[in-house]
Amino acid sequence: MVQSKQSTKKIPEGIWPINRVDDHIIIQVGRKNVLIDTGSPISLGNQKTFGLMGKTVRLQPEIQGITVENLSEFIDSRIDLLLGGDFLGQIPFSIDFPGYIFRFYDPPIRFKGTVLKIDLIAGVPLVEVSIDSRPVSLFLDTGAKITYLSAPLVRGHRSAAKIADFYPLMGRFQTTRHEVPVAIAGRELPFLAGKTPSGLNDYIEAFNRVTGLNVQGILGNDLYYHFRVLLDLRRSRIILRPYID
């Protein structure tokens, strides 16, 4: 378990240290451990509402039978709240993995980098990348610790290892990881992407049938090993700034 760096410095308003638990993004607000999850369109918790930075959201006690107690068990760390797209879509925020920094922004936003357009479908952001010189649409999910790609996308790419993970609607699973170069923001990057397990693949296929889209996986938190990223969901954009130019 990787914990956030400790500091005696006063933290500026709007900034929270990230507690990276198995590469899940958790911030502490008061005494609450808060999971940041753009993959969920709604926020989850046992209290009625949650407010921060002048924004408020109504919390649901469960999402299709999943509670914060279930999430705590899956992640092996106490989770008091899950902030989903209904809150995260109200205010821009950035993620800095090496600095262990999560920040909410009030305008004006000063964040330089490559701007990418995203689409918000049913409250979940979609981003386009390139794999094997082909455009690929992926969910942008800060609740996923790694990137997951459909079987056709990992086929032909070297298998690297197995990984144990969980998906709230299907529980724990194991799958293989593959060395897949993913091009985004003008850079081709080496990802160890997981092959999408059958239960998650069923969910994505159902989503595609309803929306008429062709989503082929999830862009997870391994993105933040390569970029500082500003997510501005209300303006349908993300800004990526590489750590090394």
Protein backbone atom coordinates (compact mmCIF):
# COMPACT_ATOMS: atom_id res chain seq x y z
CA MET A 1 0.00 0.00 0.00
CA VAL A 2 1.45 3.37 -1.05
CA GLN A 3 0.62 6.27 1.21
CA SER A 4 0.70 9.97 0.45
CA LYS A 5 3.81 11.96 1.31
CA GLN A 6 3.73 13.71 4.64
CA SER A 7 4.54 17.40 4.92
CA THR A 8 4.49 20.05 7.64
CA LYS A 9 3.81 22.80 5.08
CA LYS A 10 0.41 24.46 5.02
CA ILE A 11 -1.60 23.15 2.08
CA PRO A 12 -3.11 25.91 -0.13
CA GLU A 13 -6.89 26.04 -0.50
CA GLY A 14 -8.20 23.70 -3.17
CA ILE A 15 -5.25 21.29 -2.91
CA TRP A 16 -5.33 17.87 -1.25
CA PRO A 17 -2.57 15.27 -0.90
CA ILE A 18 -3.33 12.10 -2.84
CA ASN A 19 -3.31 8.87 -0.88
CA ARG A 20 -2.53 6.36 -3.64
CA VAL A 21 -3.84 3.00 -2.48
CA ASP A 22 -2.98 0.46 -5.16
CA ASP A 23 -3.06 3.43 -7.58
CA HIS A 24 -6.60 4.42 -6.66
CA ILE A 25 -6.95 8.16 -6.06
CA ILE A 26 -8.13 8.95 -2.53
CA ILE A 27 -8.15 12.35 -0.83
CA GLN A 28 -9.01 13.13 2.77
CA VAL A 29 -11.64 15.83 3.28
CA GLY A 30 -12.02 16.43 6.99
CA ARG A 31 -12.24 12.94 8.40
CA LYS A 32 -13.67 11.45 5.21
CA ASN A 33 -11.66 9.32 2.80
CA VAL A 34 -12.94 10.27 -0.65
CA LEU A 35 -12.43 8.13 -3.78
CA ILE A 36 -12.23 10.12 -7.03
CA ASP A 37 -14.10 8.18 -9.72
CA THR A 38 -14.98 9.69 -13.10
CA GLY A 39 -16.17 6.25 -14.19
CA SER A 40 -19.25 6.59 -11.99
CA PRO A 41 -21.92 9.10 -13.13
CA ILE A 42 -23.21 9.47 -9.54
CA SER A 43 -21.67 9.96 -6.10
CA LEU A 44 -21.94 7.46 -3.29
CA GLY A 45 -21.99 7.73 0.50
CA ASN A 46 -23.93 7.14 3.68
CA GLN A 47 -24.72 10.81 4.31
CA LYS A 48 -27.37 12.72 2.37
CA THR A 49 -25.22 15.38 0.71
CA PHE A 50 -21.59 16.40 0.29
CA GLY A 51 -20.23 19.89 -0.25
CA LEU A 52 -16.81 21.17 -1.21
CA MET A 53 -15.42 24.29 -2.93
CA GLY A 54 -18.90 25.82 -2.99
CA LYS A 55 -20.39 22.83 -4.85
CA THR A 56 -22.88 20.33 -3.43
CA VAL A 57 -24.04 16.92 -4.55
CA ARG A 58 -26.70 14.52 -3.30
CA LEU A 59 -25.20 11.15 -2.37
CA GLN A 60 -26.74 7.79 -3.15
CA PRO A 61 -26.47 5.02 -0.53
CA GLU A 62 -25.64 2.44 -3.21
CA ILE A 63 -24.98 2.01 -6.92
CA GLN A 64 -26.59 -1.16 -8.26
CA GLY A 65 -26.13 -2.79 -4.86
CA ILE A 66 -22.56 -1.50 -4.30
CA THR A 67 -21.94 0.52 -1.12
CA VAL A 68 -18.91 2.35 0.26
CA GLU A 69 -18.42 -0.63 2.58
CA ASN A 70 -18.08 -2.87 -0.49
CA LEU A 71 -15.56 -0.46 -2.03
CA SER A 72 -13.57 -0.39 1.21
CA GLU A 73 -13.35 -4.18 1.12
CA PHE A 74 -12.29 -4.27 -2.54
CA ILE A 75 -9.62 -1.57 -2.16
CA ASP A 76 -8.52 -2.73 1.31
CA SER A 77 -8.74 0.82 2.65
CA ARG A 78 -11.60 2.72 4.28
CA ILE A 79 -13.72 4.65 1.78
CA ASP A 80 -16.33 7.05 3.16
CA LEU A 81 -17.39 8.74 -0.08
CA LEU A 82 -17.13 8.17 -3.82
CA LEU A 83 -17.19 11.35 -5.87
CA GLY A 84 -18.59 10.64 -9.32
CA GLY A 85 -19.36 12.67 -12.40
CA ASP A 86 -22.32 14.51 -10.87
CA PHE A 87 -19.86 16.35 -8.60
CA LEU A 88 -16.64 16.17 -10.62
CA GLY A 89 -18.43 17.63 -13.63
CA GLN A 90 -19.10 20.84 -11.69
CA ILE A 91 -15.52 21.95 -11.10
CA PRO A 92 -12.20 21.39 -12.95
CA PHE A 93 -9.53 19.38 -11.17
CA SER A 94 -5.99 18.15 -11.79
CA ILE A 95 -4.05 15.02 -10.88
CA ASP A 96 -0.29 14.98 -10.25
CA PHE A 97 0.90 11.48 -9.35
CA PRO A 98 4.62 12.19 -8.70
CA GLY A 99 3.72 15.17 -6.55
CA TYR A 100 0.86 13.32 -4.82
CA ILE A 101 -1.30 16.40 -5.46
CA PHE A 102 -5.01 16.66 -6.28
CA ARG A 103 -6.37 20.14 -6.96
CA PHE A 104 -9.78 21.69 -7.60
CA TYR A 105 -9.69 24.91 -9.64
CA ASP A 106 -11.69 28.11 -9.45
CA PRO A 107 -11.47 30.22 -12.64
CA PRO A 108 -9.25 31.44 -14.10
CA ILE A 109 -7.42 28.18 -14.82
CA ARG A 110 -3.69 28.43 -15.49
CA PHE A 111 -2.64 24.99 -16.70
CA LYS A 112 -0.52 24.65 -19.84
CA GLY A 113 -0.47 21.54 -21.99
CA THR A 114 -2.08 19.76 -24.91
CA VAL A 115 -5.85 20.21 -24.99
CA LEU A 116 -7.94 17.18 -25.99
CA LYS A 117 -11.66 17.21 -26.57
CA ILE A 118 -13.68 14.62 -24.67
CA ASP A 119 -17.30 13.53 -24.88
CA LEU A 120 -19.57 13.12 -21.87
CA ILE A 121 -22.01 10.24 -22.36
CA ALA A 122 -24.40 9.47 -19.50
CA GLY A 123 -22.10 11.46 -17.22
CA VAL A 124 -18.97 9.43 -18.07
CA PRO A 125 -16.12 10.99 -20.11
CA LEU A 126 -14.82 9.38 -23.30
CA VAL A 127 -11.41 10.14 -24.78
CA GLU A 128 -9.89 9.13 -28.10
CA VAL A 129 -6.40 7.62 -28.31
CA SER A 130 -4.55 5.79 -31.07
CA ILE A 131 -3.51 2.13 -30.92
CA ASP A 132 -1.75 0.45 -33.85
CA SER A 133 -2.40 3.64 -35.86
CA ARG A 134 -6.17 3.35 -35.35
CA PRO A 135 -8.44 5.72 -33.37
CA VAL A 136 -9.84 4.06 -30.26
CA SER A 137 -12.52 5.42 -27.90
CA LEU A 138 -12.03 4.69 -24.19
CA PHE A 139 -13.79 5.58 -20.95
CA LEU A 140 -11.66 8.00 -18.93
CA ASP A 141 -12.00 6.40 -15.51
CA THR A 142 -10.10 7.63 -12.46
CA GLY A 143 -11.64 4.72 -10.56
CA ALA A 144 -9.58 2.23 -12.62
CA LYS A 145 -6.01 1.67 -11.48
CA ILE A 146 -4.83 0.56 -14.94
CA THR A 147 -5.96 0.74 -18.55
CA TYR A 148 -8.14 -2.09 -19.90
CA LEU A 149 -8.47 -2.87 -23.59
CA SER A 150 -10.71 -5.24 -25.53
CA ALA A 151 -9.32 -8.58 -26.70
CA PRO A 152 -8.83 -7.46 -30.35
CA LEU A 153 -6.69 -4.51 -29.20
CA VAL A 154 -4.29 -6.59 -27.08
CA ARG A 155 -4.10 -9.45 -29.60
CA GLY A 156 -0.60 -9.68 -31.05
CA HIS A 157 0.96 -7.65 -28.22
CA ARG A 158 3.30 -9.46 -25.86
CA SER A 159 1.75 -10.79 -22.67
CA ALA A 160 3.64 -9.41 -19.67
CA ALA A 161 1.99 -10.70 -16.48
CA LYS A 162 -1.27 -11.30 -14.69
CA ILE A 163 -2.99 -8.74 -12.51
CA ALA A 164 -5.60 -9.05 -9.75
CA ASP A 165 -8.18 -6.27 -9.69
CA PHE A 166 -11.88 -5.67 -9.07
CA TYR A 167 -14.83 -4.17 -10.87
CA PRO A 168 -17.67 -3.16 -8.51
CA LEU A 169 -20.43 -4.87 -10.52
CA MET A 170 -18.54 -8.15 -10.94
CA GLY A 171 -16.22 -8.35 -7.92
CA ARG A 172 -12.61 -9.53 -8.00
CA PHE A 173 -10.97 -10.95 -11.11
CA GLN A 174 -7.63 -11.79 -12.69
CA THR A 175 -6.56 -10.99 -16.22
CA THR A 176 -3.42 -10.76 -18.32
CA ARG A 177 -1.49 -7.56 -19.04
CA HIS A 178 -0.04 -6.79 -22.45
CA GLU A 179 2.60 -4.38 -23.70
CA VAL A 180 0.53 -2.03 -25.85
CA PRO A 181 1.84 1.32 -27.16
CA VAL A 182 -0.89 3.94 -26.74
CA ALA A 183 -0.61 7.27 -28.57
CA ILE A 184 -2.14 10.31 -26.86
CA ALA A 185 -1.37 14.03 -26.95
CA GLY A 186 1.25 13.49 -29.65
CA ARG A 187 3.19 10.83 -27.73
CA GLU A 188 3.29 7.07 -28.07
CA LEU A 189 3.60 5.59 -24.59
CA PRO A 190 4.26 2.06 -23.32
CA PHE A 191 1.23 0.84 -21.39
CA LEU A 192 0.89 -2.50 -19.60
CA ALA A 193 -2.79 -2.73 -20.41
CA GLY A 194 -5.08 -5.38 -19.00
CA LYS A 195 -7.26 -7.49 -21.23
CA THR A 196 -10.84 -6.53 -20.43
CA PRO A 197 -12.43 -9.35 -18.37
CA SER A 198 -15.67 -10.83 -19.63
CA GLY A 199 -17.96 -9.15 -17.07
CA LEU A 200 -16.57 -5.70 -17.77
CA ASN A 201 -16.59 -6.39 -21.49
CA ASP A 202 -20.30 -7.28 -21.24
CA TYR A 203 -20.98 -3.92 -19.58
CA ILE A 204 -19.09 -2.02 -22.30
CA GLU A 205 -20.87 -3.91 -25.08
CA ALA A 206 -24.27 -3.14 -23.50
CA PHE A 207 -23.27 0.53 -23.30
CA ASN A 208 -22.32 0.47 -26.99
CA ARG A 209 -25.64 -1.10 -27.98
CA VAL A 210 -27.59 1.61 -26.15
CA THR A 211 -25.51 4.56 -27.35
CA GLY A 212 -24.47 3.35 -30.81
CA LEU A 213 -20.82 4.05 -29.90
CA ASN A 214 -17.77 1.82 -30.16
CA VAL A 215 -16.01 2.13 -26.81
CA GLN A 216 -13.22 -0.43 -26.60
CA GLY A 217 -11.95 -0.17 -23.05
CA ILE A 218 -10.94 2.07 -20.17
CA LEU A 219 -8.12 4.59 -19.86
CA GLY A 220 -7.05 4.17 -16.25
CA ASN A 221 -4.71 5.79 -13.76
CA ASP A 222 -1.53 4.62 -15.50
CA LEU A 223 -2.11 7.74 -17.64
CA TYR A 224 -0.91 9.84 -14.69
CA TYR A 225 2.52 8.21 -14.70
CA HIS A 226 3.14 10.10 -17.95
CA PHE A 227 1.19 13.36 -17.61
CA ARG A 228 -0.11 15.89 -15.16
CA VAL A 229 -3.73 16.10 -16.27
CA LEU A 230 -6.40 18.74 -15.84
CA LEU A 231 -9.93 17.35 -16.25
CA ASP A 232 -12.46 20.03 -17.14
CA LEU A 233 -15.55 17.91 -17.71
CA ARG A 234 -18.02 20.78 -17.87
CA ARG A 235 -16.10 22.21 -20.84
CA SER A 236 -15.62 18.75 -22.42
CA ARG A 237 -11.84 18.85 -22.39
CA ILE A 238 -8.73 17.56 -20.69
CA ILE A 239 -5.28 19.17 -20.72
CA LEU A 240 -2.19 16.96 -20.58
CA ARG A 241 1.26 18.21 -19.58
CA PRO A 242 4.08 15.64 -19.79
CA TYR A 243 6.41 15.29 -16.83
CA ILE A 244 9.40 15.11 -19.16
CA ASP A 245 9.51 17.23 -22.33
